[in-house]
């Protein structure tokens, strides 16, 4: 296995003047041909079947890797690197650069190819080209605020609130506001049908994209709904609740935030590590509760968890849903606030028939009854949240 000590530092008058970290990994005989490369490129002596040292792979944005297409172990390490470091840009160093081999490398997710024996000018031209694409993707773009909707218990209406909140942002606040709702409830997600969306691709396709994640793929996954909200649907098939990589989800969320004015997340009931990592990135989290003992108990536990994560209290909104009918008689809003140690921001009513009618048609409540009380409550909640998370004009 290669060691950090194997890195050969070469100096040159030719500097790349870029921020990307670059490593060139190859057999010693091929490293000898690239004397004079920039200080920005680290040379690592590596046999054809060896994986690059972790210390190098962890910090390398661009890696030029010697590849023997006829050696399965050489190909296998490309797949390992792509899985372990999905946002590393890999360039294949090949003894013969023909169209068939190049296509095979591209299918493996290789960014580019260079010929072996290495030529200084060709290597630097290739690196500069890849680095330019990386830098272009890092243009400082304002990120949209994120509002996460967290369930206290299953069935409390989180998907209903997330979809109506997104619809209210898009329709009631500003006609030009672009809003995307992401269904992170992997096993019970209902956002798409609630908005009448029929996705061909889902969140799972974005997660599996790895380095192919870009605006074009995002646009192919997003479904536009008649309610003015764009949807990234939960996976079509039930997948394990831990089936999302937090790092990959973070990249997806950043890309979505670069393309929208507001992002709403419908979180799963089970607060996995990736779900909590997502909540940390949210500008505001709605904890959705009901006036019953089980829901209030779970709400209190979630509030404690958010506090332990350093989540600021003013960035948490406790919202009571389905409040039209008293439960347990003795529990009211004041009792709930004392029990939770947190103010209750809003109460949303119970209009079961209207809501059921709207969702069975893939519509929002104001599309069925423009003057209904529940629609006005959703609009008021959206307006309140917008005042907290949207930048001042």
Protein backbone atom coordinates (compact mmCIF):
# COMPACT_ATOMS: atom_id res chain seq x y z
CA UNK A 1 0.00 0.00 0.00
CA UNK A 2 1.33 3.46 -0.84
CA UNK A 3 2.34 5.72 2.04
CA UNK A 4 2.19 9.48 2.49
CA UNK A 5 5.99 9.38 2.55
CA UNK A 6 5.89 8.10 -1.03
CA UNK A 7 4.65 11.50 -2.23
CA UNK A 8 7.26 13.09 -4.44
CA UNK A 9 7.21 16.89 -4.37
CA UNK A 10 8.39 18.37 -7.65
CA UNK A 11 8.92 22.06 -8.19
CA UNK A 12 8.43 23.90 -11.44
CA UNK A 13 8.27 27.40 -12.81
CA UNK A 14 4.84 26.51 -14.18
CA UNK A 15 2.15 27.01 -11.56
CA UNK A 16 -1.48 26.05 -11.96
CA UNK A 17 -2.73 28.91 -9.78
CA UNK A 18 -5.85 27.06 -8.70
CA UNK A 19 -7.40 25.85 -5.48
CA UNK A 20 -8.04 22.21 -6.49
CA UNK A 21 -5.84 19.59 -4.83
CA UNK A 22 -4.34 17.25 -7.45
CA UNK A 23 -2.61 13.88 -7.10
CA UNK A 24 -1.00 11.80 -9.85
CA UNK A 25 -0.83 8.11 -8.89
CA UNK A 26 1.20 5.74 -11.04
CA UNK A 27 4.07 3.26 -11.12
CA UNK A 28 7.50 4.74 -10.38
CA UNK A 29 8.72 4.39 -13.98
CA UNK A 30 5.91 6.65 -15.20
CA UNK A 31 6.46 9.24 -12.49
CA UNK A 32 9.99 9.70 -13.76
CA UNK A 33 8.64 11.13 -17.02
CA UNK A 34 6.79 14.01 -15.38
CA UNK A 35 9.66 15.77 -13.64
CA UNK A 36 9.03 19.49 -13.74
CA UNK A 37 5.30 19.41 -13.06
CA UNK A 38 3.81 22.13 -10.88
CA UNK A 39 4.07 22.12 -7.10
CA UNK A 40 0.28 21.95 -7.15
CA UNK A 41 0.45 18.31 -8.26
CA UNK A 42 1.53 15.60 -5.81
CA UNK A 43 3.09 12.47 -7.27
CA UNK A 44 2.30 9.18 -5.54
CA UNK A 45 4.07 5.93 -6.36
CA UNK A 46 1.39 3.28 -6.68
CA UNK A 47 1.13 -0.19 -8.14
CA UNK A 48 -1.68 -0.92 -10.63
CA UNK A 49 -3.91 -2.76 -8.15
CA UNK A 50 -3.22 -0.59 -5.08
CA UNK A 51 -5.65 1.95 -3.69
CA UNK A 52 -4.28 5.46 -3.13
CA UNK A 53 -3.37 6.27 0.49
CA UNK A 54 -6.36 7.50 2.47
CA UNK A 55 -4.49 10.65 3.48
CA UNK A 56 -4.13 11.55 -0.21
CA UNK A 57 -7.58 10.47 -1.39
CA UNK A 58 -9.33 12.41 1.38
CA UNK A 59 -7.94 15.74 0.18
CA UNK A 60 -7.66 15.21 -3.59
CA UNK A 61 -10.27 16.90 -5.75
CA UNK A 62 -8.57 15.68 -8.92
CA UNK A 63 -6.76 12.36 -9.18
CA UNK A 64 -4.87 11.16 -12.24
CA UNK A 65 -4.77 7.40 -11.86
CA UNK A 66 -2.79 4.94 -13.96
CA UNK A 67 -5.24 2.34 -15.29
CA UNK A 68 -4.74 -0.95 -17.10
CA UNK A 69 -8.09 -1.75 -18.80
CA UNK A 70 -7.08 -5.40 -19.12
CA UNK A 71 -6.49 -5.78 -15.38
CA UNK A 72 -9.78 -6.27 -13.44
CA UNK A 73 -8.20 -5.16 -10.16
CA UNK A 74 -7.13 -1.90 -11.77
CA UNK A 75 -10.70 -1.26 -12.94
CA UNK A 76 -12.17 -2.33 -9.59
CA UNK A 77 -10.30 0.36 -7.69
CA UNK A 78 -11.92 3.04 -9.88
CA UNK A 79 -15.30 1.81 -8.72
CA UNK A 80 -14.12 1.77 -5.10
CA UNK A 81 -12.83 5.32 -5.35
CA UNK A 82 -16.04 6.55 -6.97
CA UNK A 83 -18.10 4.95 -4.21
CA UNK A 84 -15.92 6.19 -1.37
CA UNK A 85 -15.18 9.65 -2.81
CA UNK A 86 -18.12 10.41 -5.13
CA UNK A 87 -17.07 13.99 -5.74
CA UNK A 88 -13.45 13.24 -6.59
CA UNK A 89 -12.72 13.96 -10.27
CA UNK A 90 -10.76 11.00 -11.64
CA UNK A 91 -8.62 11.16 -14.78
CA UNK A 92 -7.44 7.84 -16.21
CA UNK A 93 -3.84 7.48 -17.36
CA UNK A 94 -3.90 4.94 -20.21
CA UNK A 95 -1.15 3.36 -22.33
CA UNK A 96 -3.46 3.38 -25.39
CA UNK A 97 -6.14 6.04 -25.72
CA UNK A 98 -8.62 4.67 -28.23
CA UNK A 99 -12.34 5.40 -28.58
CA UNK A 100 -13.49 2.04 -27.21
CA UNK A 101 -11.36 2.32 -24.07
CA UNK A 102 -12.31 5.95 -23.57
CA UNK A 103 -15.99 5.09 -23.69
CA UNK A 104 -15.44 2.33 -21.15
CA UNK A 105 -13.73 4.81 -18.82
CA UNK A 106 -16.54 7.34 -19.21
CA UNK A 107 -19.10 4.67 -18.27
CA UNK A 108 -17.09 4.15 -15.08
CA UNK A 109 -17.42 7.85 -14.28
CA UNK A 110 -13.94 8.94 -15.37
CA UNK A 111 -13.69 12.69 -16.00
CA UNK A 112 -11.02 12.55 -18.73
CA UNK A 113 -8.09 10.49 -20.02
CA UNK A 114 -4.39 11.21 -20.61
CA UNK A 115 -1.83 9.15 -22.44
CA UNK A 116 0.97 7.11 -20.84
CA UNK A 117 3.88 7.76 -20.93
CA UNK A 118 2.81 11.06 -19.40
CA UNK A 119 3.59 14.29 -21.15
CA UNK A 120 3.94 17.39 -18.95
CA UNK A 121 1.96 19.66 -21.25
CA UNK A 122 -0.83 17.15 -21.77
CA UNK A 123 -1.15 16.45 -18.05
CA UNK A 124 -1.26 20.13 -17.11
CA UNK A 125 -3.74 20.95 -19.88
CA UNK A 126 -6.03 18.16 -18.70
CA UNK A 127 -5.77 19.21 -15.04
CA UNK A 128 -6.46 22.84 -15.87
CA UNK A 129 -9.50 21.84 -17.90
CA UNK A 130 -10.97 19.74 -15.06
CA UNK A 131 -10.09 22.39 -12.47
CA UNK A 132 -11.84 25.04 -14.54
CA UNK A 133 -15.01 22.95 -14.53
CA UNK A 134 -14.74 22.52 -10.75
CA UNK A 135 -14.24 26.24 -10.21
CA UNK A 136 -17.16 27.04 -12.49
CA UNK A 137 -19.43 24.82 -10.39
CA UNK A 138 -18.41 26.75 -7.29
CA UNK A 139 -19.62 30.12 -8.45
CA UNK A 140 -20.98 31.92 -5.44
CA UNK A 141 -24.72 31.37 -5.77
CA UNK A 142 -27.14 32.47 -3.08
CA UNK A 143 -28.70 29.44 -1.41
CA UNK A 144 -32.44 29.32 -0.82
CA UNK A 145 -33.66 29.01 2.77
CA UNK A 146 -34.72 25.55 3.92
CA UNK A 147 -37.80 24.80 6.03
CA UNK A 148 -37.96 21.28 7.49
CA UNK A 149 -41.24 19.72 8.62
CA UNK A 150 -40.67 17.20 11.42
CA UNK A 151 -43.31 14.73 12.58
CA UNK A 152 -43.95 14.17 16.27
CA UNK A 153 -45.69 10.88 15.50
CA UNK A 154 -46.76 9.12 12.32
CA UNK A 155 -50.04 10.29 10.89
CA UNK A 156 -49.89 13.78 12.36
CA UNK A 157 -50.21 15.34 8.89
CA UNK A 158 -46.63 16.39 8.12
CA UNK A 159 -46.90 15.73 4.39
CA UNK A 160 -50.12 17.73 4.30
CA UNK A 161 -48.44 20.64 6.05
CA UNK A 162 -45.27 20.42 3.89
CA UNK A 163 -47.21 20.45 0.62
CA UNK A 164 -49.57 23.25 1.65
CA UNK A 165 -46.74 25.28 3.09
CA UNK A 166 -44.81 24.96 -0.18
CA UNK A 167 -47.95 25.79 -2.14
CA UNK A 168 -48.60 28.85 0.02
CA UNK A 169 -45.03 30.08 -0.50
CA UNK A 170 -45.44 29.70 -4.26
CA UNK A 171 -48.96 31.05 -4.62
CA UNK A 172 -49.79 33.42 -1.81
CA UNK A 173 -46.51 35.17 -1.06
CA UNK A 174 -45.04 36.00 -4.45
CA UNK A 175 -46.00 34.92 -7.94
CA UNK A 176 -42.36 34.67 -9.04
CA UNK A 177 -41.18 32.58 -6.07
CA UNK A 178 -39.89 29.14 -7.09
CA UNK A 179 -40.45 26.46 -4.45
CA UNK A 180 -39.32 22.84 -4.29
CA UNK A 181 -40.53 20.28 -1.78
CA UNK A 182 -38.33 17.22 -1.21
CA UNK A 183 -39.99 14.07 0.13
CA UNK A 184 -37.48 12.46 2.49
CA UNK A 185 -39.96 9.99 3.90
CA UNK A 186 -38.36 7.01 2.17
CA UNK A 187 -40.95 4.44 3.15
CA UNK A 188 -44.24 6.33 3.49
CA UNK A 189 -43.77 9.37 1.24
CA UNK A 190 -46.97 10.90 -0.10
CA UNK A 191 -45.85 14.32 -1.32
CA UNK A 192 -46.05 13.48 -5.03
CA UNK A 193 -49.61 12.07 -5.02
CA UNK A 194 -50.81 14.86 -2.71
CA UNK A 195 -49.68 17.37 -5.36
CA UNK A 196 -50.92 15.33 -8.32
CA UNK A 197 -47.34 14.70 -9.47
CA UNK A 198 -46.43 11.54 -11.38
CA UNK A 199 -42.64 11.23 -11.22
CA UNK A 200 -40.66 9.09 -13.61
CA UNK A 201 -37.47 9.49 -11.55
CA UNK A 202 -37.12 10.00 -7.79
CA UNK A 203 -34.77 11.07 -5.02
CA UNK A 204 -33.09 7.68 -5.29
CA UNK A 205 -31.89 8.51 -8.81
CA UNK A 206 -30.19 11.65 -7.50
CA UNK A 207 -28.55 9.72 -4.67
CA UNK A 208 -27.22 7.08 -7.06
CA UNK A 209 -25.91 9.67 -9.52
CA UNK A 210 -22.68 10.32 -7.58
CA UNK A 211 -20.44 12.54 -9.72
CA UNK A 212 -23.09 12.75 -12.46
CA UNK A 213 -25.25 14.95 -10.23
CA UNK A 214 -25.85 18.23 -12.03
CA UNK A 215 -28.58 20.67 -13.03
CA UNK A 216 -29.57 18.54 -16.01
CA UNK A 217 -30.15 15.42 -13.92
CA UNK A 218 -31.94 17.47 -11.26
CA UNK A 219 -34.33 18.84 -13.87
CA UNK A 220 -35.09 15.35 -15.11
CA UNK A 221 -36.05 14.21 -11.61
CA UNK A 222 -38.13 17.24 -10.61
CA UNK A 223 -41.84 17.12 -11.39
CA UNK A 224 -43.83 20.34 -11.84
CA UNK A 225 -47.24 20.33 -10.16
CA UNK A 226 -50.34 22.34 -11.04
CA UNK A 227 -50.12 23.94 -7.60
CA UNK A 228 -46.98 25.82 -8.62
CA UNK A 229 -44.69 23.62 -6.52
CA UNK A 230 -41.88 21.45 -7.86
CA UNK A 231 -41.47 17.99 -6.33
CA UNK A 232 -38.59 15.61 -5.72
CA UNK A 233 -40.45 12.41 -4.95
CA UNK A 234 -39.60 9.73 -2.40
CA UNK A 235 -38.28 6.47 -3.92
CA UNK A 236 -40.89 4.46 -5.78
CA UNK A 237 -39.99 1.31 -3.85
CA UNK A 238 -39.57 1.01 -0.10
CA UNK A 239 -35.88 1.17 0.76
CA UNK A 240 -34.14 0.81 4.13
CA UNK A 241 -34.54 3.92 6.27
CA UNK A 242 -30.74 4.16 6.51
CA UNK A 243 -30.49 3.95 2.71
CA UNK A 244 -29.35 7.55 2.25
CA UNK A 245 -25.79 8.81 2.54
CA UNK A 246 -25.76 12.12 4.45
CA UNK A 247 -22.94 13.55 2.35
CA UNK A 248 -24.69 12.78 -0.92
CA UNK A 249 -27.96 14.19 0.39
CA UNK A 250 -26.11 17.34 1.41
CA UNK A 251 -24.84 17.80 -2.14
CA UNK A 252 -28.35 17.26 -3.51
CA UNK A 253 -29.81 19.80 -1.12
CA UNK A 254 -27.15 22.37 -2.04
CA UNK A 255 -27.90 21.91 -5.74
CA UNK A 256 -31.64 22.33 -5.15
CA UNK A 257 -31.02 25.44 -3.04
CA UNK A 258 -29.01 26.94 -5.88
CA UNK A 259 -31.98 26.55 -8.23
CA UNK A 260 -34.91 27.68 -6.07
CA UNK A 261 -36.08 30.53 -3.85
CA UNK A 262 -37.42 28.25 -1.12
CA UNK A 263 -37.01 24.57 -0.23
CA UNK A 264 -39.37 22.56 2.00
CA UNK A 265 -38.38 19.16 3.42
CA UNK A 266 -40.84 16.48 4.51
CA UNK A 267 -38.81 14.47 7.04
CA UNK A 268 -39.32 10.81 7.99
CA UNK A 269 -40.75 9.86 11.38
CA UNK A 270 -37.51 8.06 12.29
CA UNK A 271 -34.77 10.61 12.93
CA UNK A 272 -31.80 8.88 11.34
CA UNK A 273 -28.30 10.36 11.25
CA UNK A 274 -28.83 11.67 7.72
CA UNK A 275 -32.18 13.20 8.67
CA UNK A 276 -30.62 15.01 11.62
CA UNK A 277 -27.72 16.20 9.45
CA UNK A 278 -30.32 17.68 7.11
CA UNK A 279 -32.17 19.38 9.97
CA UNK A 280 -28.94 21.05 11.06
CA UNK A 281 -28.73 22.69 7.63
CA UNK A 282 -32.33 23.94 7.78
CA UNK A 283 -33.01 27.60 8.49
CA UNK A 284 -36.18 26.71 10.38
CA UNK A 285 -37.77 23.48 11.60
CA UNK A 286 -41.48 22.99 12.18
CA UNK A 287 -42.22 20.33 14.79
CA UNK A 288 -45.75 19.20 14.06
CA UNK A 289 -47.77 18.09 17.08
CA UNK A 290 -51.32 17.16 18.04
CA UNK A 291 -53.20 17.68 21.31
CA UNK A 292 -52.80 14.13 22.55
CA UNK A 293 -50.42 12.65 25.08
CA UNK A 294 -48.38 10.50 22.67
CA UNK A 295 -47.77 13.35 20.24
CA UNK A 296 -46.90 15.88 22.95
CA UNK A 297 -44.51 13.44 24.58
CA UNK A 298 -42.70 12.83 21.28
CA UNK A 299 -42.69 16.55 20.50
CA UNK A 300 -40.96 17.24 23.82
CA UNK A 301 -38.35 14.58 23.06
CA UNK A 302 -37.68 16.14 19.64
CA UNK A 303 -37.33 19.60 21.15
CA UNK A 304 -34.77 18.24 23.61
CA UNK A 305 -32.89 16.57 20.77
CA UNK A 306 -32.77 19.75 18.69
CA UNK A 307 -31.54 21.68 21.74
CA UNK A 308 -28.79 19.10 22.34
CA UNK A 309 -27.67 19.60 18.72
CA UNK A 310 -27.27 23.33 19.33
CA UNK A 311 -30.34 24.21 17.27
CA UNK A 312 -31.49 27.70 18.25
CA UNK A 313 -34.89 27.89 19.92
CA UNK A 314 -36.01 30.78 17.72
CA UNK A 315 -35.48 28.56 14.66
CA UNK A 316 -38.04 26.03 15.90
CA UNK A 317 -41.78 26.44 15.39
CA UNK A 318 -44.18 24.12 17.19
CA UNK A 319 -47.41 23.85 15.21
CA UNK A 320 -50.54 22.05 16.38
CA UNK A 321 -52.42 20.22 13.67
CA UNK A 322 -55.99 18.91 13.55
CA UNK A 323 -57.14 21.07 16.45
CA UNK A 324 -60.86 21.25 15.68
CA UNK A 325 -61.85 18.70 18.29
CA UNK A 326 -60.81 18.44 21.94
CA UNK A 327 -59.07 15.28 22.94
CA UNK A 328 -58.81 14.10 26.52
CA UNK A 329 -60.90 17.16 27.47
CA UNK A 330 -58.36 18.47 29.98
CA UNK A 331 -55.55 19.19 27.47
CA UNK A 332 -55.54 22.64 25.91
CA UNK A 333 -52.94 24.85 24.21
CA UNK A 334 -51.76 26.44 27.46
CA UNK A 335 -51.23 23.02 29.01
CA UNK A 336 -49.31 21.91 25.94
CA UNK A 337 -47.03 24.96 26.03
CA UNK A 338 -46.24 24.42 29.72
CA UNK A 339 -45.52 20.73 29.13
CA UNK A 340 -43.27 21.44 26.14
CA UNK A 341 -41.51 24.50 27.52
CA UNK A 342 -41.98 26.06 24.12
CA UNK A 343 -44.49 28.44 22.58
CA UNK A 344 -46.97 27.04 20.10
CA UNK A 345 -46.80 29.23 17.01
CA UNK A 346 -49.89 28.19 15.09
CA UNK A 347 -52.92 25.96 15.31
CA UNK A 348 -54.26 24.35 12.15
CA UNK A 349 -57.87 23.25 12.05
CA UNK A 350 -59.45 19.97 11.14
CA UNK A 351 -61.37 19.97 7.85
CA UNK A 352 -61.25 16.27 7.11
CA UNK A 353 -63.75 16.16 4.26
CA UNK A 354 -62.25 19.14 2.39
CA UNK A 355 -58.71 17.86 2.82
CA UNK A 356 -59.60 14.33 1.73
CA UNK A 357 -61.41 15.66 -1.31
CA UNK A 358 -58.45 17.85 -2.32
CA UNK A 359 -55.75 15.20 -1.82
CA UNK A 360 -57.72 12.52 -3.67
CA UNK A 361 -57.55 14.86 -6.68
CA UNK A 362 -53.89 15.80 -6.18
CA UNK A 363 -54.87 19.36 -5.25
CA UNK A 364 -54.40 21.78 -2.35
CA UNK A 365 -57.37 22.85 -0.23
CA UNK A 366 -57.69 26.34 -1.74
CA UNK A 367 -57.93 24.80 -5.20
CA UNK A 368 -61.13 23.09 -4.02
CA UNK A 369 -62.44 25.84 -1.74
CA UNK A 370 -60.75 29.21 -2.16
CA UNK A 371 -62.50 30.67 0.90
CA UNK A 372 -61.94 27.79 3.31
CA UNK A 373 -60.58 28.50 6.78
CA UNK A 374 -57.85 25.84 6.60
CA UNK A 375 -56.36 27.34 3.44
CA UNK A 376 -56.19 30.73 5.13
CA UNK A 377 -54.43 29.17 8.11
CA UNK A 378 -51.80 27.59 5.87
CA UNK A 379 -51.27 30.93 4.11
CA UNK A 380 -50.87 32.72 7.46
CA UNK A 381 -48.33 30.13 8.64
CA UNK A 382 -46.35 30.52 5.40
CA UNK A 383 -46.36 34.29 5.76
CA UNK A 384 -45.07 34.04 9.33
CA UNK A 385 -42.27 31.67 8.35
CA UNK A 386 -41.32 33.74 5.31
CA UNK A 387 -40.79 36.76 7.55
CA UNK A 388 -38.28 34.74 9.55
CA UNK A 389 -36.30 33.01 6.80
CA UNK A 390 -36.48 35.13 3.68
CA UNK A 391 -33.85 37.87 3.32
CA UNK A 392 -35.10 41.43 3.60
CA UNK A 393 -35.63 43.07 0.25
